[in-house]
Amino acid sequence: MRHWLMKSEPDEFSIDDLARRRIEPWTGVRNYQARNFMRDDMRVGDRVLFYHSSCAAPGVAGIAEIIGVAKPDPTQFDPASAYHDPASRADDPRWLCVDVGFVRRLRGVIGLDAIRAQGSRLEGLTLLARGNRLSVFPVDRRHYDLILELEPTA
């Protein structure tokens, strides 16, 4: 089993939305490296830190699981979608998505500041890299476990 961090803006799609829907295709990824992670490395059963980004209190809000392998992202073909890509073709899709399933909400968001405060214990974590803009990336098992140890107790 591998571990991942997937970012979503909670105004667009939050851990609460995933809890209600139970399963959701992770659409709208428009970065080749993130797409390649989904295509080449994600497997059914992999665990995901669900991260709320671009909000007042960014941080890990829940846990999800990869429940479906990479497939063409339907939003690339939809002219009404903000993620439409007119250069992508049905016979050679440029963008992919995976199905993500809800596991659980955390008792409280593990904020970015709390994650940063771990210093060298999280050295190499892509989330903390300067200039990182990836919305999907792998997380070492030790980093995954350490981040979850920061979950509030109540």
Protein backbone atom coordinates (compact mmCIF):
# COMPACT_ATOMS: atom_id res chain seq x y z
CA MET A 1 0.00 0.00 0.00
CA ARG A 2 1.17 3.48 -0.88
CA HIS A 3 0.24 6.77 0.71
CA TRP A 4 -0.77 10.05 -0.90
CA LEU A 5 -1.80 13.59 -0.17
CA MET A 6 -4.55 15.03 -2.34
CA LYS A 7 -5.49 18.69 -2.11
CA SER A 8 -8.93 20.13 -2.64
CA GLU A 9 -10.33 23.59 -2.00
CA PRO A 10 -13.10 23.00 0.54
CA ASP A 11 -15.35 25.55 -1.17
CA GLU A 12 -15.18 23.31 -4.27
CA PHE A 13 -15.08 19.85 -2.67
CA SER A 14 -14.45 19.13 1.01
CA ILE A 15 -14.04 16.06 3.19
CA ASP A 16 -17.69 16.60 4.21
CA ASP A 17 -18.70 16.40 0.53
CA LEU A 18 -16.80 13.14 0.19
CA ALA A 19 -18.45 11.83 3.37
CA ARG A 20 -21.88 12.52 1.86
CA ARG A 21 -21.09 11.04 -1.55
CA ARG A 22 -18.90 8.18 -0.24
CA ILE A 23 -17.16 7.84 -3.64
CA GLU A 24 -16.02 10.58 -6.00
CA PRO A 25 -13.92 10.70 -9.17
CA TRP A 26 -10.95 13.00 -8.49
CA THR A 27 -11.42 15.18 -11.55
CA GLY A 28 -9.85 18.45 -12.59
CA VAL A 29 -6.16 17.59 -12.14
CA ARG A 30 -4.32 19.57 -14.81
CA ASN A 31 -0.69 18.95 -13.96
CA TYR A 32 1.25 16.28 -15.84
CA GLN A 33 3.27 15.10 -12.85
CA ALA A 34 0.14 14.71 -10.69
CA ARG A 35 -1.61 12.94 -13.59
CA ASN A 36 1.32 10.58 -13.93
CA PHE A 37 1.19 9.71 -10.23
CA MET A 38 -2.47 8.75 -10.66
CA ARG A 39 -1.79 6.84 -13.87
CA ASP A 40 1.43 5.05 -12.97
CA ASP A 41 1.62 4.71 -9.21
CA MET A 42 -1.79 4.79 -7.52
CA ARG A 43 -3.35 1.46 -6.68
CA VAL A 44 -6.70 0.42 -5.26
CA GLY A 45 -6.35 0.37 -1.48
CA ASP A 46 -3.80 3.17 -1.25
CA ARG A 47 -4.52 5.63 1.57
CA VAL A 48 -4.90 9.37 1.09
CA LEU A 49 -4.48 12.35 3.38
CA PHE A 50 -7.36 14.60 2.26
CA TYR A 51 -5.99 18.15 2.45
CA HIS A 52 -8.04 21.34 2.42
CA SER A 53 -6.11 23.98 0.48
CA SER A 54 -6.54 27.63 -0.51
CA CYS A 55 -8.66 28.37 2.53
CA ALA A 56 -8.37 30.22 5.85
CA ALA A 57 -7.15 27.12 7.70
CA PRO A 58 -5.36 24.76 5.29
CA GLY A 59 -4.55 21.29 6.53
CA VAL A 60 -5.34 17.59 6.57
CA ALA A 61 -9.06 17.18 7.20
CA GLY A 62 -9.62 13.47 6.62
CA ILE A 63 -8.57 10.15 5.23
CA ALA A 64 -9.66 8.68 1.92
CA GLU A 65 -8.79 5.59 -0.07
CA ILE A 66 -8.14 4.97 -3.75
CA ILE A 67 -10.97 2.71 -4.88
CA GLY A 68 -10.69 2.94 -8.66
CA VAL A 69 -7.74 2.96 -11.06
CA ALA A 70 -6.94 5.81 -13.43
CA LYS A 71 -9.49 6.47 -16.17
CA PRO A 72 -10.17 9.39 -18.53
CA ASP A 73 -11.33 12.51 -16.69
CA PRO A 74 -14.74 13.34 -18.22
CA THR A 75 -14.41 17.06 -17.44
CA GLN A 76 -11.78 17.44 -20.16
CA PHE A 77 -14.43 16.73 -22.81
CA ASP A 78 -17.18 18.93 -21.33
CA PRO A 79 -17.21 22.45 -22.84
CA ALA A 80 -19.24 23.69 -19.85
CA SER A 81 -16.58 22.53 -17.37
CA ALA A 82 -13.89 24.83 -15.99
CA TYR A 83 -11.54 21.89 -16.68
CA HIS A 84 -12.46 21.50 -20.36
CA ASP A 85 -9.44 20.86 -22.60
CA PRO A 86 -10.37 21.24 -26.27
CA ALA A 87 -7.03 19.70 -27.31
CA SER A 88 -7.79 16.42 -25.54
CA ARG A 89 -9.35 13.69 -27.67
CA ALA A 90 -11.58 10.80 -26.60
CA ASP A 91 -9.29 8.33 -28.41
CA ASP A 92 -6.21 9.82 -26.70
CA PRO A 93 -7.26 11.55 -23.46
CA ARG A 94 -4.74 13.89 -21.93
CA TRP A 95 -6.18 13.92 -18.38
CA LEU A 96 -7.05 11.14 -15.97
CA CYS A 97 -8.84 10.74 -12.67
CA VAL A 98 -9.11 8.07 -9.99
CA ASP A 99 -12.07 7.17 -7.82
CA VAL A 100 -11.62 8.17 -4.19
CA GLY A 101 -13.63 6.73 -1.31
CA PHE A 102 -14.34 8.21 2.10
CA VAL A 103 -12.65 6.58 5.08
CA ARG A 104 -13.11 9.12 7.89
CA ARG A 105 -13.03 12.75 8.95
CA LEU A 106 -10.34 13.69 11.41
CA ARG A 107 -11.41 14.94 14.84
CA GLY A 108 -10.04 18.30 13.78
CA VAL A 109 -7.97 19.66 10.91
CA ILE A 110 -4.23 19.08 11.24
CA GLY A 111 -3.15 22.55 10.21
CA LEU A 112 -0.27 23.41 7.96
CA ASP A 113 1.40 25.27 10.84
CA ALA A 114 1.32 22.12 13.00
CA ILE A 115 2.80 20.14 10.13
CA ARG A 116 5.54 22.72 9.55
CA ALA A 117 6.33 22.73 13.29
CA GLN A 118 7.55 19.13 12.98
CA GLY A 119 10.67 20.47 11.29
CA SER A 120 13.21 17.81 10.35
CA ARG A 121 10.80 15.00 11.33
CA LEU A 122 8.98 15.73 8.04
CA GLU A 123 12.05 16.52 5.97
CA GLY A 124 11.40 15.66 2.34
CA LEU A 125 7.61 15.99 2.58
CA THR A 126 6.52 17.50 -0.75
CA LEU A 127 3.85 19.59 0.97
CA LEU A 128 6.58 21.61 2.68
CA ALA A 129 8.81 22.07 -0.37
CA ARG A 130 9.23 25.65 -1.54
CA GLY A 131 7.22 26.37 -4.64
CA ASN A 132 5.26 23.12 -4.46
CA ARG A 133 1.97 23.49 -6.33
CA LEU A 134 1.13 19.83 -6.84
CA SER A 135 -2.37 18.78 -5.81
CA VAL A 136 -1.55 15.05 -5.80
CA PHE A 137 1.70 13.56 -4.57
CA PRO A 138 3.12 10.55 -2.72
CA VAL A 139 3.79 10.62 1.01
CA ASP A 140 6.29 8.35 2.74
CA ARG A 141 4.68 5.96 5.22
CA ARG A 142 6.64 7.49 8.10
CA HIS A 143 5.43 10.99 7.14
CA TYR A 144 1.85 9.73 6.80
CA ASP A 145 1.97 8.14 10.26
CA LEU A 146 3.60 11.18 11.86
CA ILE A 147 1.01 13.55 10.39
CA LEU A 148 -1.82 11.38 11.73
CA GLU A 149 -0.18 11.40 15.17
CA LEU A 150 -0.90 15.15 15.15
CA GLU A 151 -4.66 14.57 14.99
CA PRO A 152 -6.43 16.46 17.76
CA THR A 153 -7.74 14.24 20.54
CA ALA A 154 -11.15 15.89 20.78
